[in-house]
Every structure is written in structure tokens, then in C-alpha cells.
């Protein structure tokens, strides 16, 4: 808490923004965030995390910090990915409430007030629900498909209209900080925690600059990582399918045995035998692949490497480091 006019305590609202490929949006973003949060009223902290943005966004972040010390910048050593960048920002946040949002202005800063007001009804987390998403058809459909597949494997019920844009109490952020898995997906981690969660419908704007950083390959990788990190159902399905295949093979073998020894019918067909061998071989390699993914993720976790590395922050200059 900080002191406002007449000694009244104001909440501190931190806003964490991962930055990649949206340099020209940052000044407008910060202006609108500050205006919105001050109207709540509350004190403001903005943390811009440069995830190795290719458009030299760090220079703009430094400029914004010089103009307003409430804006802090974190420059990651390389591109670690959106959700690792969010983690870096949350590790540095100090607000009573923390907003997470994207940098491309599709998440409208003015909606932060709605999120905060909804949270005052007793919710510990409030997510923005994008009723009318201003994205292309491909992105909408892949998002829907991702959540359907994820819900099937994880046994949960997710909402494809919900993404990172949210506000969370301090205790929620502290709990999130304690989760240091390499495979990270912010909204799913928050959902897993089980805190009292609400949502509020918000307007969703079209992208102001550039294109999404998630192509099809990255979306598939993200989906695979999210499913494997949250569920072992693929392993169980692999075991069940293998059992059914073995049972079917046993039944078919008994059928051929009866035909040959009791019905005096010779079994013909090398082609079917070879097809069966290749089919079973493919399934074995597939199952090994699923198992290998889990082992690979375990291997990554046992390395115990940091989730991100910071080249510098805007605070370094202020503190003479």
C-alpha cells in the first residue's frame, strides 16, 4: 500500500507486460495503463520485459523509464518465450494486485478497471473474457482446438476466450512464483492453483503492429508441452491401446490356430503379415516417442537451470551497478 491524498491508502497495482515485436505500441500502452489505474484510484507500477524483441524495443523501454520511474524494464539475455518473460516480470513485481497483459494493445488497458472492480467482489483472480476476439480465423480455431485437446487430456474445463489478461492478488502471484517448472503456461498454472476465480467480458481490439509470434509449429510445441506438463493421460492411453492391441492379436492368433489344426485350412498371405509387422512397429515407435517426451521433460527439470537470464534492468543504472 502507498499513501494517496489526505493520507488515504491506495493499493499498488503492478502491470507485467512481456514485450516482443511491438516497439511502437509501448508508449501508448504505458500512457493508457497509467491513466486507467490512476482513475481507480491506485498507484502504478509497470514492468516491461524485453524478450529479445527484434525491433530494438529495449531502447524504447529505457526511454520510458527515464520519463517515468514507475515504469521498469527487464532485458532478458535471449528469447526465453512469452511465459518465461511473464515469470520474470512477476518475480520483480511488488503490487497488492498484479495485472498480466500482452503488449500489442489487443488487450485494452482501459479494461483493467473492470478487472479490478470485479476482483473487489471477493475474487482472488479475475480473467478477461474476450467475447469477440479480433483475431484471424486460423488463430481462433487453433486456440479452440488447443483447449479442447488440453481439456481432454487434463480432465479440466477451460475457456478458449480467456488468455493471459488478468488481475491477481498478491498471494496468488507469490504462489505462482513458487512453481518453477520449465514448461510454463500462465493461465493454466493459475487455474490449477484453485483460487477463487472470476471473469468479466471485455472488448478485444485488433492487433496494432506486426504478427503473432506463434506460428503453427510453435503452437503445436506449446500444446505438447502444456499437456505433458499437466497430465500423464497420454501414457495411460498408450498402455490401454497396447493392451487392446495385444488382446486383439491373441484372439486372432487363436482363430488362426483353430483354422489350421481343427478345420484343416491353411493360412495364406505374406502381404498381410508384413503389413501387420509394419503396423505394430509403427505403434511401438509411437509409444516410445510418447514415453521419450516425458523422459525428456524430466531430464530438463533435473538440470535445474534458471527459467530466464537477465542481461540488465533499468534499475541497474539508477542504482549505479
C-alpha atoms as a PDB file:
ATOM      1  CA  UNK A   1       0.000   0.000   0.000  1.00  0.00           C
ATOM      2  CA  UNK A   2       1.037   3.623  -0.591  1.00  0.00           C
ATOM      3  CA  UNK A   3      -0.367   6.875   0.726  1.00  0.00           C
ATOM      4  CA  UNK A   4      -2.534   8.976  -1.524  1.00  0.00           C
ATOM      5  CA  UNK A   5      -4.238  12.318  -0.904  1.00  0.00           C
ATOM      6  CA  UNK A   6      -5.406  13.077   2.663  1.00  0.00           C
ATOM      7  CA  UNK A   7      -3.367  10.134   3.926  1.00  0.00           C
ATOM      8  CA  UNK A   8      -5.690   7.595   2.335  1.00  0.00           C
ATOM      9  CA  UNK A   9      -4.077   4.271   1.493  1.00  0.00           C
ATOM     10  CA  UNK A  10      -4.056   3.355  -2.170  1.00  0.00           C
ATOM     11  CA  UNK A  11      -3.436  -0.159  -3.500  1.00  0.00           C
ATOM     12  CA  UNK A  12      -0.392  -0.680  -5.687  1.00  0.00           C
ATOM     13  CA  UNK A  13      -1.268  -2.317  -8.993  1.00  0.00           C
ATOM     14  CA  UNK A  14       1.640  -3.829 -10.907  1.00  0.00           C
ATOM     15  CA  UNK A  15       1.270  -4.441 -14.629  1.00  0.00           C
ATOM     16  CA  UNK A  16       3.539  -7.070 -16.173  1.00  0.00           C
ATOM     17  CA  UNK A  17       3.944  -6.941 -19.956  1.00  0.00           C
ATOM     18  CA  UNK A  18       6.129  -9.336 -21.997  1.00  0.00           C
ATOM     19  CA  UNK A  19       7.492  -7.417 -24.991  1.00  0.00           C
ATOM     20  CA  UNK A  20       8.220  -8.953 -28.367  1.00  0.00           C
ATOM     21  CA  UNK A  21       7.823  -7.250 -31.735  1.00  0.00           C
ATOM     22  CA  UNK A  22       5.620  -4.331 -30.626  1.00  0.00           C
ATOM     23  CA  UNK A  23       8.026  -1.460 -30.054  1.00  0.00           C
ATOM     24  CA  UNK A  24       5.730   1.211 -31.460  1.00  0.00           C
ATOM     25  CA  UNK A  25       2.897   0.218 -29.084  1.00  0.00           C
ATOM     26  CA  UNK A  26       4.804   0.692 -25.831  1.00  0.00           C
ATOM     27  CA  UNK A  27       4.402   4.439 -25.296  1.00  0.00           C
ATOM     28  CA  UNK A  28       0.681   4.306 -25.991  1.00  0.00           C
ATOM     29  CA  UNK A  29       0.346   1.194 -23.840  1.00  0.00           C
ATOM     30  CA  UNK A  30       2.047   2.777 -20.832  1.00  0.00           C
ATOM     31  CA  UNK A  31       0.099   6.019 -21.168  1.00  0.00           C
ATOM     32  CA  UNK A  32      -3.237   4.196 -21.204  1.00  0.00           C
ATOM     33  CA  UNK A  33      -2.283   1.836 -18.369  1.00  0.00           C
ATOM     34  CA  UNK A  34      -1.231   4.741 -16.118  1.00  0.00           C
ATOM     35  CA  UNK A  35      -4.359   6.761 -16.921  1.00  0.00           C
ATOM     36  CA  UNK A  36      -6.635   3.776 -16.235  1.00  0.00           C
ATOM     37  CA  UNK A  37      -5.030   2.673 -12.962  1.00  0.00           C
ATOM     38  CA  UNK A  38      -4.848   6.222 -11.594  1.00  0.00           C
ATOM     39  CA  UNK A  39      -8.595   6.545 -12.239  1.00  0.00           C
ATOM     40  CA  UNK A  40      -9.369   3.528  -9.990  1.00  0.00           C
ATOM     41  CA  UNK A  41      -7.654   5.174  -7.947  1.00  0.00           C
ATOM     42  CA  UNK A  42      -4.469   3.217  -7.278  1.00  0.00           C
ATOM     43  CA  UNK A  43      -0.748   3.610  -7.533  1.00  0.00           C
ATOM     44  CA  UNK A  44       1.004   2.293 -10.633  1.00  0.00           C
ATOM     45  CA  UNK A  45       3.934   0.009 -11.375  1.00  0.00           C
ATOM     46  CA  UNK A  46       4.613  -1.144 -14.944  1.00  0.00           C
ATOM     47  CA  UNK A  47       7.164  -3.859 -15.676  1.00  0.00           C
ATOM     48  CA  UNK A  48       8.108  -4.270 -19.341  1.00  0.00           C
ATOM     49  CA  UNK A  49      10.042  -7.480 -20.025  1.00  0.00           C
ATOM     50  CA  UNK A  50      12.033  -7.372 -23.262  1.00  0.00           C
ATOM     51  CA  UNK A  51      12.074 -10.969 -24.523  1.00  0.00           C
ATOM     52  CA  UNK A  52      14.836 -10.308 -27.074  1.00  0.00           C
ATOM     53  CA  UNK A  53      12.458  -8.282 -29.219  1.00  0.00           C
ATOM     54  CA  UNK A  54      13.939  -7.981 -32.745  1.00  0.00           C
ATOM     55  CA  UNK A  55      12.864  -4.340 -33.173  1.00  0.00           C
ATOM     56  CA  UNK A  56      15.189  -2.854 -30.503  1.00  0.00           C
ATOM     57  CA  UNK A  57      12.317  -2.364 -28.068  1.00  0.00           C
ATOM     58  CA  UNK A  58      14.804  -2.093 -25.194  1.00  0.00           C
ATOM     59  CA  UNK A  59      15.783   1.423 -26.254  1.00  0.00           C
ATOM     60  CA  UNK A  60      12.151   2.499 -26.036  1.00  0.00           C
ATOM     61  CA  UNK A  61      11.765   0.818 -22.637  1.00  0.00           C
ATOM     62  CA  UNK A  62      14.793   2.727 -21.321  1.00  0.00           C
ATOM     63  CA  UNK A  63      13.358   5.966 -22.662  1.00  0.00           C
ATOM     64  CA  UNK A  64      10.025   5.318 -20.951  1.00  0.00           C
ATOM     65  CA  UNK A  65      11.814   4.611 -17.671  1.00  0.00           C
ATOM     66  CA  UNK A  66      13.718   7.900 -17.893  1.00  0.00           C
ATOM     67  CA  UNK A  67      10.432   9.737 -18.371  1.00  0.00           C
ATOM     68  CA  UNK A  68       8.574   7.920 -15.568  1.00  0.00           C
ATOM     69  CA  UNK A  69      10.322   5.909 -12.852  1.00  0.00           C
ATOM     70  CA  UNK A  70       7.127   3.921 -12.265  1.00  0.00           C
ATOM     71  CA  UNK A  71       7.962   2.114 -15.496  1.00  0.00           C
ATOM     72  CA  UNK A  72      10.617  -0.562 -15.055  1.00  0.00           C
ATOM     73  CA  UNK A  73      12.345  -2.564 -17.776  1.00  0.00           C
ATOM     74  CA  UNK A  74      13.871  -6.038 -17.709  1.00  0.00           C
ATOM     75  CA  UNK A  75      16.108  -7.068 -20.615  1.00  0.00           C
ATOM     76  CA  UNK A  76      16.357 -10.840 -20.944  1.00  0.00           C
ATOM     77  CA  UNK A  77      19.629 -12.300 -22.234  1.00  0.00           C
ATOM     78  CA  UNK A  78      17.840 -14.074 -25.088  1.00  0.00           C
ATOM     79  CA  UNK A  79      14.364 -15.073 -26.203  1.00  0.00           C
ATOM     80  CA  UNK A  80      13.032 -17.378 -23.470  1.00  0.00           C
ATOM     81  CA  UNK A  81       9.396 -17.297 -24.580  1.00  0.00           C
ATOM     82  CA  UNK A  82       6.314 -15.380 -23.524  1.00  0.00           C
ATOM     83  CA  UNK A  83       5.503 -17.323 -20.365  1.00  0.00           C
ATOM     84  CA  UNK A  84       9.075 -17.254 -19.082  1.00  0.00           C
ATOM     85  CA  UNK A  85       9.080 -13.498 -19.680  1.00  0.00           C
ATOM     86  CA  UNK A  86       5.855 -13.220 -17.674  1.00  0.00           C
ATOM     87  CA  UNK A  87       7.545 -15.138 -14.851  1.00  0.00           C
ATOM     88  CA  UNK A  88      10.481 -12.719 -14.876  1.00  0.00           C
ATOM     89  CA  UNK A  89       8.118  -9.762 -14.594  1.00  0.00           C
ATOM     90  CA  UNK A  90       6.132 -11.371 -11.785  1.00  0.00           C
ATOM     91  CA  UNK A  91       9.345 -12.116  -9.879  1.00  0.00           C
ATOM     92  CA  UNK A  92      10.077  -8.367  -9.881  1.00  0.00           C
ATOM     93  CA  UNK A  93       6.521  -7.159  -9.212  1.00  0.00           C
ATOM     94  CA  UNK A  94       5.568  -5.773  -5.816  1.00  0.00           C
ATOM     95  CA  UNK A  95       1.911  -4.815  -6.210  1.00  0.00           C
ATOM     96  CA  UNK A  96      -1.017  -5.651  -3.969  1.00  0.00           C
ATOM     97  CA  UNK A  97      -2.637  -6.653  -7.254  1.00  0.00           C
ATOM     98  CA  UNK A  98      -0.849  -7.672 -10.442  1.00  0.00           C
ATOM     99  CA  UNK A  99      -2.131  -7.379 -13.994  1.00  0.00           C
ATOM    100  CA  UNK A 100      -0.674  -9.545 -16.765  1.00  0.00           C
ATOM    101  CA  UNK A 101      -1.354  -8.435 -20.327  1.00  0.00           C
ATOM    102  CA  UNK A 102       0.120  -8.524 -23.839  1.00  0.00           C
ATOM    103  CA  UNK A 103       2.000  -5.626 -25.408  1.00  0.00           C
ATOM    104  CA  UNK A 104       0.202  -5.392 -28.779  1.00  0.00           C
ATOM    105  CA  UNK A 105      -2.802  -3.403 -27.456  1.00  0.00           C
ATOM    106  CA  UNK A 106      -5.239  -6.184 -28.275  1.00  0.00           C
ATOM    107  CA  UNK A 107      -5.695  -6.290 -24.501  1.00  0.00           C
ATOM    108  CA  UNK A 108      -7.230  -2.871 -23.887  1.00  0.00           C
ATOM    109  CA  UNK A 109      -5.656  -1.126 -20.863  1.00  0.00           C
ATOM    110  CA  UNK A 110      -8.996   0.531 -20.099  1.00  0.00           C
ATOM    111  CA  UNK A 111     -10.402  -2.893 -19.192  1.00  0.00           C
ATOM    112  CA  UNK A 112      -8.053  -3.124 -16.198  1.00  0.00           C
ATOM    113  CA  UNK A 113     -10.608  -1.095 -14.247  1.00  0.00           C
ATOM    114  CA  UNK A 114     -13.279  -3.718 -14.984  1.00  0.00           C
ATOM    115  CA  UNK A 115     -10.957  -6.489 -13.819  1.00  0.00           C
ATOM    116  CA  UNK A 116     -10.163  -4.657 -10.585  1.00  0.00           C
ATOM    117  CA  UNK A 117     -13.810  -3.846  -9.844  1.00  0.00           C
ATOM    118  CA  UNK A 118     -14.786  -7.470 -10.423  1.00  0.00           C
ATOM    119  CA  UNK A 119     -11.995  -8.591  -8.083  1.00  0.00           C
ATOM    120  CA  UNK A 120     -13.443  -6.407  -5.327  1.00  0.00           C
ATOM    121  CA  UNK A 121     -16.483  -8.697  -5.283  1.00  0.00           C
ATOM    122  CA  UNK A 122     -14.318 -11.248  -3.468  1.00  0.00           C
ATOM    123  CA  UNK A 123     -12.384 -12.915  -6.272  1.00  0.00           C
ATOM    124  CA  UNK A 124      -8.683 -13.652  -5.880  1.00  0.00           C
ATOM    125  CA  UNK A 125      -8.136 -13.868  -9.648  1.00  0.00           C
ATOM    126  CA  UNK A 126     -10.142 -12.316 -12.463  1.00  0.00           C
ATOM    127  CA  UNK A 127      -9.547 -13.156 -16.120  1.00  0.00           C
ATOM    128  CA  UNK A 128     -10.652 -11.082 -19.093  1.00  0.00           C
ATOM    129  CA  UNK A 129     -13.112 -12.953 -21.290  1.00  0.00           C
ATOM    130  CA  UNK A 130     -12.658 -11.959 -24.943  1.00  0.00           C
ATOM    131  CA  UNK A 131     -16.218 -12.442 -26.181  1.00  0.00           C
ATOM    132  CA  UNK A 132     -15.479 -11.161 -29.688  1.00  0.00           C
ATOM    133  CA  UNK A 133     -11.843 -11.918 -30.478  1.00  0.00           C
ATOM    134  CA  UNK A 134     -10.284  -9.674 -33.113  1.00  0.00           C
ATOM    135  CA  UNK A 135      -8.015 -12.390 -34.476  1.00  0.00           C
ATOM    136  CA  UNK A 136      -7.898 -14.181 -37.800  1.00  0.00           C
ATOM    137  CA  UNK A 137      -9.826 -17.392 -38.390  1.00  0.00           C
ATOM    138  CA  UNK A 138      -6.754 -19.608 -38.088  1.00  0.00           C
ATOM    139  CA  UNK A 139      -5.752 -18.268 -34.671  1.00  0.00           C
ATOM    140  CA  UNK A 140      -9.284 -18.584 -33.306  1.00  0.00           C
ATOM    141  CA  UNK A 141      -9.679 -22.173 -34.486  1.00  0.00           C
ATOM    142  CA  UNK A 142      -6.244 -23.320 -33.306  1.00  0.00           C
ATOM    143  CA  UNK A 143      -6.955 -21.774 -29.902  1.00  0.00           C
ATOM    144  CA  UNK A 144     -10.259 -23.633 -29.654  1.00  0.00           C
ATOM    145  CA  UNK A 145      -8.612 -26.881 -30.744  1.00  0.00           C
ATOM    146  CA  UNK A 146      -5.793 -26.457 -28.225  1.00  0.00           C
ATOM    147  CA  UNK A 147      -8.170 -26.050 -25.286  1.00  0.00           C
ATOM    148  CA  UNK A 148     -10.356 -28.954 -26.377  1.00  0.00           C
ATOM    149  CA  UNK A 149      -7.357 -31.279 -26.615  1.00  0.00           C
ATOM    150  CA  UNK A 150      -5.914 -29.941 -23.364  1.00  0.00           C
ATOM    151  CA  UNK A 151      -9.213 -30.382 -21.510  1.00  0.00           C
ATOM    152  CA  UNK A 152      -9.488 -33.970 -22.757  1.00  0.00           C
ATOM    153  CA  UNK A 153      -6.034 -34.939 -21.544  1.00  0.00           C
ATOM    154  CA  UNK A 154      -6.073 -32.920 -18.306  1.00  0.00           C
ATOM    155  CA  UNK A 155      -9.684 -33.584 -17.282  1.00  0.00           C
ATOM    156  CA  UNK A 156     -10.418 -29.872 -16.843  1.00  0.00           C
ATOM    157  CA  UNK A 157     -12.832 -27.391 -18.402  1.00  0.00           C
ATOM    158  CA  UNK A 158     -11.083 -24.394 -19.956  1.00  0.00           C
ATOM    159  CA  UNK A 159     -12.402 -21.357 -21.795  1.00  0.00           C
ATOM    160  CA  UNK A 160     -10.753 -20.555 -25.123  1.00  0.00           C
ATOM    161  CA  UNK A 161     -11.830 -16.900 -24.820  1.00  0.00           C
ATOM    162  CA  UNK A 162      -9.532 -16.491 -21.788  1.00  0.00           C
ATOM    163  CA  UNK A 163      -5.793 -15.855 -22.183  1.00  0.00           C
ATOM    164  CA  UNK A 164      -3.127 -14.046 -20.116  1.00  0.00           C
ATOM    165  CA  UNK A 165      -5.032 -10.795 -19.499  1.00  0.00           C
ATOM    166  CA  UNK A 166      -5.924 -10.956 -15.811  1.00  0.00           C
ATOM    167  CA  UNK A 167      -5.552  -9.431 -12.365  1.00  0.00           C
ATOM    168  CA  UNK A 168      -4.418 -11.445  -9.337  1.00  0.00           C
ATOM    169  CA  UNK A 169      -3.993 -10.861  -5.626  1.00  0.00           C
ATOM    170  CA  UNK A 170      -0.514 -10.770  -4.150  1.00  0.00           C
ATOM    171  CA  UNK A 171      -0.874 -14.223  -2.558  1.00  0.00           C
ATOM    172  CA  UNK A 172      -1.723 -15.745  -5.942  1.00  0.00           C
ATOM    173  CA  UNK A 173       1.397 -14.262  -7.507  1.00  0.00           C
ATOM    174  CA  UNK A 174       3.503 -15.481  -4.592  1.00  0.00           C
ATOM    175  CA  UNK A 175       2.134 -18.997  -5.118  1.00  0.00           C
ATOM    176  CA  UNK A 176       2.868 -18.775  -8.849  1.00  0.00           C
ATOM    177  CA  UNK A 177       6.446 -17.724  -8.098  1.00  0.00           C
ATOM    178  CA  UNK A 178       6.906 -20.960  -6.203  1.00  0.00           C
ATOM    179  CA  UNK A 179       6.146 -23.019  -9.318  1.00  0.00           C
ATOM    180  CA  UNK A 180       9.484 -23.235 -11.140  1.00  0.00           C
ATOM    181  CA  UNK A 181       8.776 -25.834 -13.832  1.00  0.00           C
ATOM    182  CA  UNK A 182      10.495 -25.257 -17.162  1.00  0.00           C
ATOM    183  CA  UNK A 183       7.254 -25.893 -19.090  1.00  0.00           C
ATOM    184  CA  UNK A 184       5.140 -22.853 -18.304  1.00  0.00           C
ATOM    185  CA  UNK A 185       1.698 -21.650 -19.319  1.00  0.00           C
ATOM    186  CA  UNK A 186       0.468 -18.785 -17.139  1.00  0.00           C
ATOM    187  CA  UNK A 187      -3.352 -19.143 -17.281  1.00  0.00           C
ATOM    188  CA  UNK A 188      -3.253 -22.929 -16.842  1.00  0.00           C
ATOM    189  CA  UNK A 189      -0.964 -22.631 -13.808  1.00  0.00           C
ATOM    190  CA  UNK A 190      -3.332 -20.107 -12.232  1.00  0.00           C
ATOM    191  CA  UNK A 191      -6.297 -22.372 -12.975  1.00  0.00           C
ATOM    192  CA  UNK A 192      -4.507 -25.331 -11.374  1.00  0.00           C
ATOM    193  CA  UNK A 193      -3.981 -23.416  -8.123  1.00  0.00           C
ATOM    194  CA  UNK A 194      -7.704 -23.354  -7.422  1.00  0.00           C
ATOM    195  CA  UNK A 195      -8.053 -19.816  -6.079  1.00  0.00           C
ATOM    196  CA  UNK A 196     -11.442 -18.122  -6.288  1.00  0.00           C
ATOM    197  CA  UNK A 197     -11.549 -17.112  -9.943  1.00  0.00           C
ATOM    198  CA  UNK A 198     -13.956 -14.894 -11.819  1.00  0.00           C
ATOM    199  CA  UNK A 199     -14.109 -13.494 -15.304  1.00  0.00           C
ATOM    200  CA  UNK A 200     -15.504 -10.410 -16.923  1.00  0.00           C
ATOM    201  CA  UNK A 201     -16.336  -9.799 -20.595  1.00  0.00           C
ATOM    202  CA  UNK A 202     -14.068  -7.226 -22.226  1.00  0.00           C
ATOM    203  CA  UNK A 203     -13.562  -5.632 -25.609  1.00  0.00           C
ATOM    204  CA  UNK A 204     -10.743  -7.079 -27.677  1.00  0.00           C
ATOM    205  CA  UNK A 205      -9.007  -4.855 -30.209  1.00  0.00           C
ATOM    206  CA  UNK A 206      -7.301  -5.745 -33.465  1.00  0.00           C
ATOM    207  CA  UNK A 207      -3.530  -6.089 -33.417  1.00  0.00           C
ATOM    208  CA  UNK A 208      -1.882  -2.693 -33.913  1.00  0.00           C
ATOM    209  CA  UNK A 209       1.538  -3.844 -35.098  1.00  0.00           C
ATOM    210  CA  UNK A 210       3.207  -6.927 -36.545  1.00  0.00           C
ATOM    211  CA  UNK A 211       2.027 -10.522 -36.460  1.00  0.00           C
ATOM    212  CA  UNK A 212       1.632 -13.051 -33.701  1.00  0.00           C
ATOM    213  CA  UNK A 213       4.834 -14.793 -32.612  1.00  0.00           C
ATOM    214  CA  UNK A 214       3.031 -18.141 -32.557  1.00  0.00           C
ATOM    215  CA  UNK A 215       3.156 -19.991 -35.865  1.00  0.00           C
ATOM    216  CA  UNK A 216       1.729 -23.497 -36.298  1.00  0.00           C
ATOM    217  CA  UNK A 217       4.948 -25.192 -35.189  1.00  0.00           C
ATOM    218  CA  UNK A 218       5.184 -23.097 -32.027  1.00  0.00           C
ATOM    219  CA  UNK A 219       1.508 -23.690 -31.259  1.00  0.00           C
ATOM    220  CA  UNK A 220       1.983 -27.459 -31.525  1.00  0.00           C
ATOM    221  CA  UNK A 221       5.066 -27.273 -29.302  1.00  0.00           C
ATOM    222  CA  UNK A 222       3.201 -25.154 -26.749  1.00  0.00           C
ATOM    223  CA  UNK A 223       0.255 -27.561 -26.757  1.00  0.00           C
ATOM    224  CA  UNK A 224       2.516 -30.600 -26.367  1.00  0.00           C
ATOM    225  CA  UNK A 225       4.455 -29.003 -23.506  1.00  0.00           C
ATOM    226  CA  UNK A 226       1.267 -27.899 -21.725  1.00  0.00           C
ATOM    227  CA  UNK A 227      -0.335 -31.341 -21.962  1.00  0.00           C
ATOM    228  CA  UNK A 228       2.766 -33.259 -20.902  1.00  0.00           C
ATOM    229  CA  UNK A 229       3.481 -30.895 -18.002  1.00  0.00           C
ATOM    230  CA  UNK A 230      -0.075 -31.101 -16.671  1.00  0.00           C
ATOM    231  CA  UNK A 231      -1.209 -34.660 -17.423  1.00  0.00           C
ATOM    232  CA  UNK A 232       0.037 -38.250 -17.683  1.00  0.00           C
ATOM    233  CA  UNK A 233      -3.062 -39.339 -19.581  1.00  0.00           C
ATOM    234  CA  UNK A 234      -1.129 -39.907 -22.856  1.00  0.00           C
ATOM    235  CA  UNK A 235       0.901 -42.570 -21.041  1.00  0.00           C
ATOM    236  CA  UNK A 236      -2.231 -44.260 -19.721  1.00  0.00           C
ATOM    237  CA  UNK A 237      -3.840 -44.186 -23.166  1.00  0.00           C
ATOM    238  CA  UNK A 238      -0.677 -45.702 -24.631  1.00  0.00           C
ATOM    239  CA  UNK A 239      -0.840 -48.559 -22.118  1.00  0.00           C
ATOM    240  CA  UNK A 240      -4.545 -49.145 -22.758  1.00  0.00           C
ATOM    241  CA  UNK A 241      -4.118 -49.139 -26.509  1.00  0.00           C
ATOM    242  CA  UNK A 242      -1.171 -51.519 -26.273  1.00  0.00           C
ATOM    243  CA  UNK A 243      -3.225 -53.880 -24.110  1.00  0.00           C
ATOM    244  CA  UNK A 244      -6.139 -53.823 -26.555  1.00  0.00           C
ATOM    245  CA  UNK A 245      -3.785 -54.452 -29.474  1.00  0.00           C
ATOM    246  CA  UNK A 246      -2.178 -57.385 -27.653  1.00  0.00           C
ATOM    247  CA  UNK A 247      -5.592 -58.798 -26.760  1.00  0.00           C
ATOM    248  CA  UNK A 248      -6.755 -58.483 -30.356  1.00  0.00           C
ATOM    249  CA  UNK A 249      -3.590 -60.216 -31.578  1.00  0.00           C
ATOM    250  CA  UNK A 250      -4.140 -63.054 -29.098  1.00  0.00           C
ATOM    251  CA  UNK A 251      -7.725 -63.573 -30.234  1.00  0.00           C
ATOM    252  CA  UNK A 252      -6.716 -63.503 -33.879  1.00  0.00           C
ATOM    253  CA  UNK A 253      -3.881 -65.971 -33.153  1.00  0.00           C
ATOM    254  CA  UNK A 254      -6.342 -68.384 -31.530  1.00  0.00           C
ATOM    255  CA  UNK A 255      -8.603 -68.039 -34.555  1.00  0.00           C
ATOM    256  CA  UNK A 256      -5.723 -68.962 -36.915  1.00  0.00           C
ATOM    257  CA  UNK A 257      -4.738 -71.850 -34.622  1.00  0.00           C
ATOM    258  CA  UNK A 258      -8.256 -73.285 -34.761  1.00  0.00           C
ATOM    259  CA  UNK A 259      -8.440 -72.902 -38.535  1.00  0.00           C
ATOM    260  CA  UNK A 260      -5.121 -74.680 -39.083  1.00  0.00           C
ATOM    261  CA  UNK A 261      -5.403 -77.585 -36.621  1.00  0.00           C
ATOM    262  CA  UNK A 262      -9.141 -78.203 -36.401  1.00  0.00           C
ATOM    263  CA  UNK A 263     -10.574 -77.002 -39.710  1.00  0.00           C
ATOM    264  CA  UNK A 264      -7.588 -78.013 -41.850  1.00  0.00           C
ATOM    265  CA  UNK A 265      -7.497 -74.602 -43.518  1.00  0.00           C
ATOM    266  CA  UNK A 266      -4.039 -73.338 -44.412  1.00  0.00           C
ATOM    267  CA  UNK A 267      -3.321 -69.671 -43.589  1.00  0.00           C
ATOM    268  CA  UNK A 268      -2.160 -67.716 -46.640  1.00  0.00           C
ATOM    269  CA  UNK A 269      -0.896 -64.199 -47.231  1.00  0.00           C
ATOM    270  CA  UNK A 270       2.601 -62.853 -46.668  1.00  0.00           C
ATOM    271  CA  UNK A 271       1.344 -59.357 -47.523  1.00  0.00           C
ATOM    272  CA  UNK A 272      -0.975 -59.225 -44.520  1.00  0.00           C
ATOM    273  CA  UNK A 273       1.848 -60.462 -42.283  1.00  0.00           C
ATOM    274  CA  UNK A 274       4.226 -57.733 -43.477  1.00  0.00           C
ATOM    275  CA  UNK A 275       1.555 -55.031 -43.132  1.00  0.00           C
ATOM    276  CA  UNK A 276       0.866 -56.205 -39.582  1.00  0.00           C
ATOM    277  CA  UNK A 277       4.565 -56.096 -38.720  1.00  0.00           C
ATOM    278  CA  UNK A 278       4.932 -52.560 -40.022  1.00  0.00           C
ATOM    279  CA  UNK A 279       1.719 -51.508 -38.258  1.00  0.00           C
ATOM    280  CA  UNK A 280       2.841 -52.890 -34.916  1.00  0.00           C
ATOM    281  CA  UNK A 281       6.337 -51.491 -35.417  1.00  0.00           C
ATOM    282  CA  UNK A 282       4.890 -48.036 -36.028  1.00  0.00           C
ATOM    283  CA  UNK A 283       2.807 -48.256 -32.862  1.00  0.00           C
ATOM    284  CA  UNK A 284       5.856 -49.298 -30.852  1.00  0.00           C
ATOM    285  CA  UNK A 285       7.849 -46.341 -32.122  1.00  0.00           C
ATOM    286  CA  UNK A 286       4.895 -44.036 -31.415  1.00  0.00           C
ATOM    287  CA  UNK A 287       4.636 -45.282 -27.838  1.00  0.00           C
ATOM    288  CA  UNK A 288       8.382 -44.940 -27.381  1.00  0.00           C
ATOM    289  CA  UNK A 289       8.054 -41.384 -28.665  1.00  0.00           C
ATOM    290  CA  UNK A 290       5.381 -40.524 -26.081  1.00  0.00           C
ATOM    291  CA  UNK A 291       7.492 -42.070 -23.339  1.00  0.00           C
ATOM    292  CA  UNK A 292      10.557 -40.233 -24.652  1.00  0.00           C
ATOM    293  CA  UNK A 293       8.767 -36.883 -24.407  1.00  0.00           C
ATOM    294  CA  UNK A 294       8.092 -37.432 -20.724  1.00  0.00           C
ATOM    295  CA  UNK A 295      11.660 -38.586 -20.093  1.00  0.00           C
ATOM    296  CA  UNK A 296      12.961 -35.546 -21.976  1.00  0.00           C
ATOM    297  CA  UNK A 297      10.884 -33.201 -19.835  1.00  0.00           C
ATOM    298  CA  UNK A 298      12.113 -34.944 -16.683  1.00  0.00           C
ATOM    299  CA  UNK A 299      15.679 -34.518 -17.962  1.00  0.00           C
ATOM    300  CA  UNK A 300      15.102 -30.791 -18.496  1.00  0.00           C
ATOM    301  CA  UNK A 301      13.736 -30.396 -14.977  1.00  0.00           C
ATOM    302  CA  UNK A 302      16.643 -32.265 -13.373  1.00  0.00           C
ATOM    303  CA  UNK A 303      19.110 -29.817 -14.943  1.00  0.00           C
ATOM    304  CA  UNK A 304      17.658 -27.202 -12.581  1.00  0.00           C
ATOM    305  CA  UNK A 305      18.578 -24.375 -14.932  1.00  0.00           C
ATOM    306  CA  UNK A 306      17.142 -20.889 -14.315  1.00  0.00           C
ATOM    307  CA  UNK A 307      13.867 -20.075 -16.034  1.00  0.00           C
ATOM    308  CA  UNK A 308      15.390 -16.941 -17.539  1.00  0.00           C
ATOM    309  CA  UNK A 309      18.598 -14.903 -17.531  1.00  0.00           C
ATOM    310  CA  UNK A 310      18.631 -11.116 -17.272  1.00  0.00           C
ATOM    311  CA  UNK A 311      21.146  -9.030 -19.178  1.00  0.00           C
ATOM    312  CA  UNK A 312      20.220  -5.855 -17.296  1.00  0.00           C
ATOM    313  CA  UNK A 313      17.314  -3.880 -15.899  1.00  0.00           C
ATOM    314  CA  UNK A 314      16.525  -0.164 -15.948  1.00  0.00           C
ATOM    315  CA  UNK A 315      17.137  -0.178 -12.191  1.00  0.00           C
ATOM    316  CA  UNK A 316      20.811  -1.048 -12.703  1.00  0.00           C
ATOM    317  CA  UNK A 317      21.569   2.469 -13.921  1.00  0.00           C
ATOM    318  CA  UNK A 318      19.580   4.079 -11.132  1.00  0.00           C
ATOM    319  CA  UNK A 319      21.477   2.120  -8.505  1.00  0.00           C
ATOM    320  CA  UNK A 320      24.876   2.677 -10.129  1.00  0.00           C
ATOM    321  CA  UNK A 321      25.509  -1.014 -10.851  1.00  0.00           C
END
